[in-house]
Amino acid sequence: EFFIRLAMGNKKQVKEILENPYIRKYIDRSIRQSGAGGVHEWLMTKNFKSFLTDNKWGDDGPFLALALTKLVQSTERVIFRNGGRHPSSIASNSSESAMFHQRLAKVIDSCSSKEELLIRVREFAKRELAPQAYEEFNEIFKTVFILDK
């Protein structure tokens, strides 16, 4: 939340702070090990930095960084459509899980607006997740982004 508030006033300062290796390591850990069941990340650290510093997000960047972080912290199950699942700890990270996150990061990077991002992240989840995991994702997504069913 500190970085999000800071970004609302000075994106250049946020960029400089996030380039500090100690702070970067802390952010990496915080996003990857967000607690409450969210040891996977729907938000790569580079996307978090982009939301706070890239002008393409405009005033929506801090909102997106906070909202996707909440999505990370809420999700308990990530079961892939092909039957694989996200590992229960970062130490047991699988290549399948890593590929999932890399593809998601590319989807996020390719978006240029909040509206496009919301549509494309949901499409990605529907395509990549098993039906029961997508149902959980969708309910959390609706809550986080306050969407009608």
N, C-alpha and C. Protein backbone atom coordinates (compact mmCIF):
# COMPACT_ATOMS: atom_id res chain seq x y z
N GLU A 1 0.83 -1.19 0.00
CA GLU A 1 0.00 0.00 0.00
C GLU A 1 0.87 1.25 0.00
N PHE A 2 2.02 1.19 0.68
CA PHE A 2 2.94 2.32 0.69
C PHE A 2 3.35 2.71 -0.72
N PHE A 3 3.74 1.73 -1.52
CA PHE A 3 4.19 2.02 -2.89
C PHE A 3 3.04 2.55 -3.73
N ILE A 4 1.86 2.02 -3.50
CA ILE A 4 0.69 2.47 -4.26
C ILE A 4 0.40 3.93 -3.93
N ARG A 5 0.43 4.29 -2.67
CA ARG A 5 0.20 5.69 -2.28
C ARG A 5 1.30 6.60 -2.82
N LEU A 6 2.53 6.14 -2.75
CA LEU A 6 3.65 6.92 -3.26
C LEU A 6 3.52 7.15 -4.76
N ALA A 7 3.09 6.11 -5.48
CA ALA A 7 2.95 6.21 -6.94
C ALA A 7 1.91 7.24 -7.35
N MET A 8 0.94 7.47 -6.50
CA MET A 8 -0.08 8.45 -6.83
C MET A 8 0.50 9.86 -6.89
N GLY A 9 1.67 10.04 -6.25
CA GLY A 9 2.27 11.37 -6.24
C GLY A 9 3.53 11.49 -7.08
N ASN A 10 4.31 10.40 -7.23
CA ASN A 10 5.59 10.54 -7.88
C ASN A 10 6.06 9.20 -8.46
N LYS A 11 5.73 8.94 -9.72
CA LYS A 11 6.09 7.68 -10.36
C LYS A 11 7.60 7.52 -10.49
N LYS A 12 8.31 8.62 -10.72
CA LYS A 12 9.76 8.55 -10.87
C LYS A 12 10.40 8.06 -9.57
N GLN A 13 9.93 8.58 -8.45
CA GLN A 13 10.47 8.16 -7.16
C GLN A 13 10.17 6.68 -6.90
N VAL A 14 8.99 6.22 -7.25
CA VAL A 14 8.65 4.81 -7.09
C VAL A 14 9.61 3.94 -7.90
N LYS A 15 9.87 4.34 -9.13
CA LYS A 15 10.78 3.58 -10.00
C LYS A 15 12.16 3.48 -9.36
N GLU A 16 12.66 4.59 -8.85
CA GLU A 16 13.98 4.60 -8.20
C GLU A 16 13.99 3.70 -6.97
N ILE A 17 12.96 3.78 -6.16
CA ILE A 17 12.89 2.96 -4.95
C ILE A 17 12.82 1.48 -5.30
N LEU A 18 12.01 1.12 -6.30
CA LEU A 18 11.87 -0.30 -6.67
C LEU A 18 13.12 -0.86 -7.34
N GLU A 19 14.02 -0.02 -7.78
CA GLU A 19 15.28 -0.50 -8.34
C GLU A 19 16.30 -0.86 -7.27
N ASN A 20 16.05 -0.48 -6.03
CA ASN A 20 16.93 -0.85 -4.92
C ASN A 20 16.82 -2.36 -4.72
N PRO A 21 17.95 -3.09 -4.74
CA PRO A 21 17.88 -4.56 -4.66
C PRO A 21 17.23 -5.09 -3.38
N TYR A 22 17.39 -4.41 -2.26
CA TYR A 22 16.79 -4.86 -1.01
C TYR A 22 15.27 -4.71 -1.05
N ILE A 23 14.84 -3.58 -1.56
CA ILE A 23 13.40 -3.34 -1.67
C ILE A 23 12.81 -4.28 -2.71
N ARG A 24 13.51 -4.46 -3.82
CA ARG A 24 13.03 -5.36 -4.87
C ARG A 24 12.85 -6.78 -4.32
N LYS A 25 13.82 -7.24 -3.54
CA LYS A 25 13.74 -8.58 -2.96
C LYS A 25 12.52 -8.69 -2.03
N TYR A 26 12.29 -7.65 -1.24
CA TYR A 26 11.14 -7.64 -0.33
C TYR A 26 9.83 -7.70 -1.12
N ILE A 27 9.73 -6.91 -2.17
CA ILE A 27 8.52 -6.90 -3.01
C ILE A 27 8.33 -8.27 -3.65
N ASP A 28 9.41 -8.84 -4.18
CA ASP A 28 9.32 -10.18 -4.79
C ASP A 28 8.74 -11.18 -3.79
N ARG A 29 9.28 -11.19 -2.58
CA ARG A 29 8.81 -12.12 -1.55
C ARG A 29 7.37 -11.83 -1.16
N SER A 30 7.03 -10.56 -1.02
CA SER A 30 5.68 -10.19 -0.59
C SER A 30 4.64 -10.61 -1.60
N ILE A 31 4.93 -10.44 -2.87
CA ILE A 31 3.98 -10.82 -3.90
C ILE A 31 3.91 -12.34 -4.02
N ARG A 32 5.06 -13.00 -3.97
CA ARG A 32 5.08 -14.45 -4.13
C ARG A 32 4.56 -15.19 -2.91
N GLN A 33 4.73 -14.64 -1.73
CA GLN A 33 4.32 -15.32 -0.51
C GLN A 33 3.36 -14.43 0.26
N SER A 34 2.23 -14.17 -0.35
CA SER A 34 1.31 -13.17 0.19
C SER A 34 0.45 -13.67 1.33
N GLY A 35 0.56 -14.93 1.69
CA GLY A 35 -0.19 -15.46 2.83
C GLY A 35 -1.63 -15.78 2.48
N ALA A 36 -2.35 -16.31 3.44
CA ALA A 36 -3.77 -16.64 3.30
C ALA A 36 -4.05 -17.49 2.06
N GLY A 37 -3.16 -18.41 1.76
CA GLY A 37 -3.41 -19.33 0.66
C GLY A 37 -2.91 -18.86 -0.68
N GLY A 38 -2.39 -17.66 -0.78
CA GLY A 38 -2.01 -17.13 -2.09
C GLY A 38 -0.54 -17.22 -2.38
N VAL A 39 0.05 -18.40 -2.28
CA VAL A 39 1.48 -18.49 -2.55
C VAL A 39 1.79 -18.45 -4.03
N HIS A 40 0.81 -18.54 -4.87
CA HIS A 40 1.03 -18.30 -6.30
C HIS A 40 0.76 -16.83 -6.55
N GLU A 41 1.18 -16.31 -7.66
CA GLU A 41 0.95 -14.91 -7.93
C GLU A 41 0.19 -14.70 -9.23
N TRP A 42 -0.91 -13.99 -9.11
CA TRP A 42 -1.64 -13.55 -10.30
C TRP A 42 -1.00 -12.28 -10.81
N LEU A 43 -0.01 -11.82 -10.12
CA LEU A 43 0.65 -10.57 -10.42
C LEU A 43 2.14 -10.79 -10.30
N MET A 44 2.85 -10.72 -11.40
CA MET A 44 4.30 -10.82 -11.35
C MET A 44 4.84 -9.51 -10.81
N THR A 45 5.99 -9.55 -10.16
CA THR A 45 6.57 -8.34 -9.60
C THR A 45 6.78 -7.28 -10.66
N LYS A 46 7.19 -7.70 -11.87
CA LYS A 46 7.40 -6.71 -12.93
C LYS A 46 6.09 -6.03 -13.31
N ASN A 47 4.98 -6.75 -13.23
CA ASN A 47 3.68 -6.13 -13.50
C ASN A 47 3.34 -5.11 -12.41
N PHE A 48 3.65 -5.44 -11.17
CA PHE A 48 3.41 -4.53 -10.06
C PHE A 48 4.15 -3.22 -10.31
N LYS A 49 5.41 -3.33 -10.69
CA LYS A 49 6.22 -2.14 -10.98
C LYS A 49 5.62 -1.38 -12.15
N SER A 50 5.20 -2.07 -13.18
CA SER A 50 4.59 -1.43 -14.34
C SER A 50 3.35 -0.64 -13.96
N PHE A 51 2.49 -1.25 -13.14
CA PHE A 51 1.27 -0.56 -12.73
C PHE A 51 1.58 0.75 -12.01
N LEU A 52 2.67 0.77 -11.25
CA LEU A 52 3.00 1.95 -10.47
C LEU A 52 3.83 2.97 -11.22
N THR A 53 4.47 2.57 -12.31
CA THR A 53 5.40 3.49 -12.97
C THR A 53 5.11 3.76 -14.44
N ASP A 54 4.42 2.88 -15.13
CA ASP A 54 4.21 3.02 -16.57
C ASP A 54 3.02 3.95 -16.85
N ASN A 55 3.26 4.94 -17.66
CA ASN A 55 2.22 5.92 -17.97
C ASN A 55 1.03 5.33 -18.72
N LYS A 56 1.19 4.16 -19.34
CA LYS A 56 0.07 3.58 -20.09
C LYS A 56 -1.13 3.26 -19.21
N TRP A 57 -0.90 3.09 -17.90
CA TRP A 57 -1.99 2.78 -16.98
C TRP A 57 -2.68 4.03 -16.45
N GLY A 58 -2.03 5.18 -16.63
CA GLY A 58 -2.62 6.44 -16.17
C GLY A 58 -2.96 6.39 -14.69
N ASP A 59 -4.11 6.91 -14.36
CA ASP A 59 -4.55 6.94 -12.96
C ASP A 59 -5.02 5.57 -12.46
N ASP A 60 -5.18 4.60 -13.37
CA ASP A 60 -5.66 3.28 -12.98
C ASP A 60 -4.56 2.37 -12.43
N GLY A 61 -3.29 2.71 -12.64
CA GLY A 61 -2.18 1.86 -12.23
C GLY A 61 -2.20 1.46 -10.76
N PRO A 62 -2.27 2.42 -9.84
CA PRO A 62 -2.28 2.04 -8.42
C PRO A 62 -3.47 1.15 -8.07
N PHE A 63 -4.64 1.43 -8.64
CA PHE A 63 -5.82 0.59 -8.41
C PHE A 63 -5.55 -0.84 -8.87
N LEU A 64 -4.97 -1.00 -10.06
CA LEU A 64 -4.71 -2.34 -10.59
C LEU A 64 -3.69 -3.08 -9.74
N ALA A 65 -2.66 -2.39 -9.29
CA ALA A 65 -1.65 -3.03 -8.44
C ALA A 65 -2.29 -3.54 -7.16
N LEU A 66 -3.13 -2.74 -6.55
CA LEU A 66 -3.79 -3.14 -5.30
C LEU A 66 -4.81 -4.25 -5.54
N ALA A 67 -5.61 -4.12 -6.58
CA ALA A 67 -6.66 -5.10 -6.86
C ALA A 67 -6.07 -6.47 -7.18
N LEU A 68 -5.05 -6.52 -8.03
CA LEU A 68 -4.46 -7.82 -8.37
C LEU A 68 -3.72 -8.41 -7.18
N THR A 69 -3.17 -7.57 -6.31
CA THR A 69 -2.55 -8.08 -5.09
C THR A 69 -3.61 -8.73 -4.21
N LYS A 70 -4.79 -8.12 -4.11
CA LYS A 70 -5.89 -8.72 -3.33
C LYS A 70 -6.32 -10.05 -3.94
N LEU A 71 -6.34 -10.13 -5.26
CA LEU A 71 -6.69 -11.37 -5.93
C LEU A 71 -5.68 -12.45 -5.56
N VAL A 72 -4.40 -12.10 -5.52
CA VAL A 72 -3.35 -13.05 -5.12
C VAL A 72 -3.62 -13.58 -3.72
N GLN A 73 -3.94 -12.68 -2.81
CA GLN A 73 -4.08 -13.06 -1.42
C GLN A 73 -5.32 -13.88 -1.15
N SER A 74 -6.28 -13.87 -2.04
CA SER A 74 -7.55 -14.56 -1.81
C SER A 74 -7.62 -15.95 -2.41
N THR A 75 -6.89 -16.20 -3.48
CA THR A 75 -7.02 -17.47 -4.19
C THR A 75 -6.36 -18.60 -3.41
N GLU A 76 -7.09 -19.71 -3.25
CA GLU A 76 -6.55 -20.86 -2.53
C GLU A 76 -6.15 -22.00 -3.46
N ARG A 77 -6.85 -22.16 -4.57
CA ARG A 77 -6.58 -23.29 -5.47
C ARG A 77 -6.17 -22.79 -6.84
N VAL A 78 -5.12 -23.35 -7.38
CA VAL A 78 -4.80 -23.13 -8.77
C VAL A 78 -4.59 -24.51 -9.37
N ILE A 79 -5.60 -24.98 -10.06
CA ILE A 79 -5.54 -26.29 -10.72
C ILE A 79 -5.63 -26.02 -12.21
N PHE A 80 -4.61 -26.46 -12.94
CA PHE A 80 -4.57 -26.17 -14.36
C PHE A 80 -5.51 -27.08 -15.13
N ARG A 81 -5.94 -26.63 -16.26
CA ARG A 81 -6.88 -27.36 -17.10
C ARG A 81 -6.35 -28.75 -17.44
N ASN A 82 -5.03 -28.89 -17.59
CA ASN A 82 -4.45 -30.20 -17.95
C ASN A 82 -4.28 -31.12 -16.74
N GLY A 83 -4.74 -30.69 -15.55
CA GLY A 83 -4.68 -31.53 -14.36
C GLY A 83 -3.55 -31.19 -13.42
N GLY A 84 -2.56 -30.43 -13.86
CA GLY A 84 -1.48 -30.02 -12.97
C GLY A 84 -2.00 -28.99 -11.98
N ARG A 85 -1.22 -28.74 -10.96
CA ARG A 85 -1.63 -27.75 -9.97
C ARG A 85 -0.43 -26.92 -9.56
N HIS A 86 -0.75 -25.76 -9.02
CA HIS A 86 0.31 -24.89 -8.53
C HIS A 86 0.92 -25.53 -7.29
N PRO A 87 2.23 -25.48 -7.16
CA PRO A 87 2.85 -26.09 -5.98
C PRO A 87 2.43 -25.37 -4.71
N SER A 88 2.49 -26.10 -3.61
CA SER A 88 2.05 -25.54 -2.34
C SER A 88 3.12 -24.67 -1.69
N SER A 89 4.31 -24.67 -2.24
CA SER A 89 5.35 -23.77 -1.72
C SER A 89 6.23 -23.32 -2.87
N ILE A 90 6.84 -22.17 -2.70
CA ILE A 90 7.71 -21.63 -3.74
C ILE A 90 8.90 -22.55 -3.98
N ALA A 91 9.39 -23.21 -2.94
CA ALA A 91 10.54 -24.11 -3.08
C ALA A 91 10.24 -25.27 -4.02
N SER A 92 8.98 -25.66 -4.14
CA SER A 92 8.64 -26.79 -5.00
C SER A 92 8.07 -26.33 -6.35
N ASN A 93 8.45 -25.13 -6.74
CA ASN A 93 7.92 -24.54 -7.97
C ASN A 93 8.14 -25.46 -9.16
N SER A 94 7.12 -25.63 -9.98
CA SER A 94 7.22 -26.50 -11.14
C SER A 94 7.36 -25.66 -12.40
N SER A 95 7.87 -26.27 -13.46
CA SER A 95 8.01 -25.54 -14.72
C SER A 95 6.63 -25.18 -15.27
N GLU A 96 5.63 -26.02 -15.04
CA GLU A 96 4.27 -25.72 -15.49
C GLU A 96 3.74 -24.45 -14.83
N SER A 97 3.97 -24.32 -13.55
CA SER A 97 3.55 -23.14 -12.82
C SER A 97 4.31 -21.91 -13.30
N ALA A 98 5.60 -22.06 -13.50
CA ALA A 98 6.42 -20.95 -13.98
C ALA A 98 5.93 -20.48 -15.34
N MET A 99 5.61 -21.42 -16.21
CA MET A 99 5.11 -21.07 -17.55
C MET A 99 3.77 -20.34 -17.45
N PHE A 100 2.92 -20.79 -16.55
CA PHE A 100 1.63 -20.14 -16.31
C PHE A 100 1.85 -18.66 -15.98
N HIS A 101 2.75 -18.39 -15.04
CA HIS A 101 3.00 -17.03 -14.60
C HIS A 101 3.66 -16.19 -15.69
N GLN A 102 4.55 -16.79 -16.44
CA GLN A 102 5.19 -16.05 -17.52
C GLN A 102 4.18 -15.67 -18.60
N ARG A 103 3.30 -16.61 -18.94
CA ARG A 103 2.26 -16.30 -19.93
C ARG A 103 1.32 -15.22 -19.42
N LEU A 104 0.96 -15.29 -18.14
CA LEU A 104 0.09 -14.28 -17.55
C LEU A 104 0.76 -12.91 -17.57
N ALA A 105 2.04 -12.87 -17.22
CA ALA A 105 2.77 -11.60 -17.22
C ALA A 105 2.76 -10.98 -18.62
N LYS A 106 2.89 -11.82 -19.65
CA LYS A 106 2.85 -11.32 -21.03
C LYS A 106 1.47 -10.79 -21.38
N VAL A 107 0.44 -11.47 -20.92
CA VAL A 107 -0.93 -10.99 -21.15
C VAL A 107 -1.09 -9.61 -20.52
N ILE A 108 -0.65 -9.47 -19.28
CA ILE A 108 -0.76 -8.18 -18.59
C ILE A 108 0.05 -7.11 -19.32
N ASP A 109 1.27 -7.44 -19.70
CA ASP A 109 2.13 -6.48 -20.41
C ASP A 109 1.51 -6.01 -21.72
N SER A 110 0.77 -6.89 -22.38
CA SER A 110 0.22 -6.54 -23.69
C SER A 110 -1.01 -5.63 -23.61
N CYS A 111 -1.55 -5.46 -22.42
CA CYS A 111 -2.74 -4.62 -22.25
C CYS A 111 -2.35 -3.16 -22.13
N SER A 112 -3.27 -2.29 -22.52
CA SER A 112 -2.98 -0.86 -22.43
C SER A 112 -4.04 -0.08 -21.67
N SER A 113 -5.01 -0.78 -21.11
CA SER A 113 -6.03 -0.09 -20.31
C SER A 113 -6.57 -1.04 -19.25
N LYS A 114 -7.20 -0.45 -18.24
CA LYS A 114 -7.80 -1.25 -17.17
C LYS A 114 -8.87 -2.18 -17.73
N GLU A 115 -9.70 -1.66 -18.61
CA GLU A 115 -10.79 -2.47 -19.17
C GLU A 115 -10.26 -3.67 -19.94
N GLU A 116 -9.25 -3.43 -20.77
CA GLU A 116 -8.65 -4.53 -21.53
C GLU A 116 -8.03 -5.55 -20.58
N LEU A 117 -7.35 -5.08 -19.55
CA LEU A 117 -6.72 -5.97 -18.59
C LEU A 117 -7.73 -6.88 -17.91
N LEU A 118 -8.84 -6.31 -17.46
CA LEU A 118 -9.86 -7.11 -16.77
C LEU A 118 -10.40 -8.20 -17.68
N ILE A 119 -10.65 -7.87 -18.92
CA ILE A 119 -11.17 -8.85 -19.88
C ILE A 119 -10.14 -9.93 -20.15
N ARG A 120 -8.90 -9.53 -20.41
CA ARG A 120 -7.88 -10.50 -20.82
C ARG A 120 -7.44 -11.41 -19.68
N VAL A 121 -7.40 -10.90 -18.43
CA VAL A 121 -7.03 -11.76 -17.29
C VAL A 121 -8.11 -12.82 -17.07
N ARG A 122 -9.36 -12.42 -17.19
CA ARG A 122 -10.45 -13.42 -17.03
C ARG A 122 -10.40 -14.46 -18.15
N GLU A 123 -10.16 -14.02 -19.39
CA GLU A 123 -10.05 -14.96 -20.51
C GLU A 123 -8.89 -15.92 -20.27
N PHE A 124 -7.77 -15.40 -19.80
CA PHE A 124 -6.60 -16.22 -19.52
C PHE A 124 -6.94 -17.28 -18.46
N ALA A 125 -7.58 -16.85 -17.39
CA ALA A 125 -7.94 -17.79 -16.31
C ALA A 125 -8.88 -18.87 -16.83
N LYS A 126 -9.85 -18.48 -17.63
CA LYS A 126 -10.81 -19.45 -18.16
C LYS A 126 -10.12 -20.48 -19.05
N ARG A 127 -9.16 -20.01 -19.83
CA ARG A 127 -8.43 -20.89 -20.75
C ARG A 127 -7.46 -21.80 -20.02
N GLU A 128 -6.82 -21.31 -18.95
CA GLU A 128 -5.72 -22.02 -18.31
C GLU A 128 -6.13 -22.89 -17.11
N LEU A 129 -7.22 -22.52 -16.44
CA LEU A 129 -7.58 -23.20 -15.19
C LEU A 129 -8.64 -24.28 -15.40
N ALA A 130 -8.59 -25.28 -14.53
CA ALA A 130 -9.64 -26.30 -14.51
C ALA A 130 -10.96 -25.61 -14.12
N PRO A 131 -12.09 -26.18 -14.51
CA PRO A 131 -13.38 -25.53 -14.23
C PRO A 131 -13.58 -25.15 -12.76
N GLN A 132 -13.25 -26.04 -11.80
CA GLN A 132 -13.47 -25.71 -10.40
C GLN A 132 -12.56 -24.57 -9.93
N ALA A 133 -11.33 -24.53 -10.43
CA ALA A 133 -10.42 -23.44 -10.07
C ALA A 133 -10.87 -22.14 -10.71
N TYR A 134 -11.40 -22.22 -11.94
CA TYR A 134 -11.89 -21.01 -12.60
C TYR A 134 -13.10 -20.45 -11.85
N GLU A 135 -13.96 -21.32 -11.35
CA GLU A 135 -15.12 -20.85 -10.58
C GLU A 135 -14.66 -20.06 -9.36
N GLU A 136 -13.67 -20.60 -8.64
CA GLU A 136 -13.15 -19.88 -7.47
C GLU A 136 -12.54 -18.55 -7.90
N PHE A 137 -11.71 -18.59 -8.93
CA PHE A 137 -11.09 -17.37 -9.44
C PHE A 137 -12.16 -16.33 -9.81
N ASN A 138 -13.17 -16.77 -10.50
CA ASN A 138 -14.21 -15.85 -10.98
C ASN A 138 -14.96 -15.20 -9.83
N GLU A 139 -15.27 -15.95 -8.79
CA GLU A 139 -15.96 -15.37 -7.63
C GLU A 139 -15.09 -14.33 -6.94
N ILE A 140 -13.82 -14.65 -6.77
CA ILE A 140 -12.89 -13.69 -6.15
C ILE A 140 -12.73 -12.47 -7.04
N PHE A 141 -12.59 -12.70 -8.33
CA PHE A 141 -12.42 -11.61 -9.29
C PHE A 141 -13.60 -10.65 -9.21
N LYS A 142 -14.80 -11.20 -9.16
CA LYS A 142 -15.99 -10.35 -9.06
C LYS A 142 -15.99 -9.54 -7.77
N THR A 143 -15.57 -10.16 -6.68
CA THR A 143 -15.52 -9.46 -5.40
C THR A 143 -14.46 -8.35 -5.43
N VAL A 144 -13.28 -8.68 -5.93
CA VAL A 144 -12.18 -7.71 -5.96
C VAL A 144 -12.51 -6.52 -6.87
N PHE A 145 -13.09 -6.80 -8.00
CA PHE A 145 -13.35 -5.75 -8.97
C PHE A 145 -14.79 -5.24 -8.95
N ILE A 146 -15.60 -5.75 -8.00
CA ILE A 146 -16.98 -5.32 -7.80
C ILE A 146 -17.76 -5.36 -9.13
N LEU A 147 -17.81 -6.53 -9.69
CA LEU A 147 -18.54 -6.73 -10.94
C LEU A 147 -19.85 -7.43 -10.68
N ASP A 148 -20.84 -7.17 -11.50
CA ASP A 148 -22.11 -7.90 -11.41
C ASP A 148 -21.93 -9.29 -11.97
N LYS A 149 -22.71 -10.22 -11.47
CA LYS A 149 -22.60 -11.61 -11.95
C LYS A 149 -23.15 -11.75 -13.34
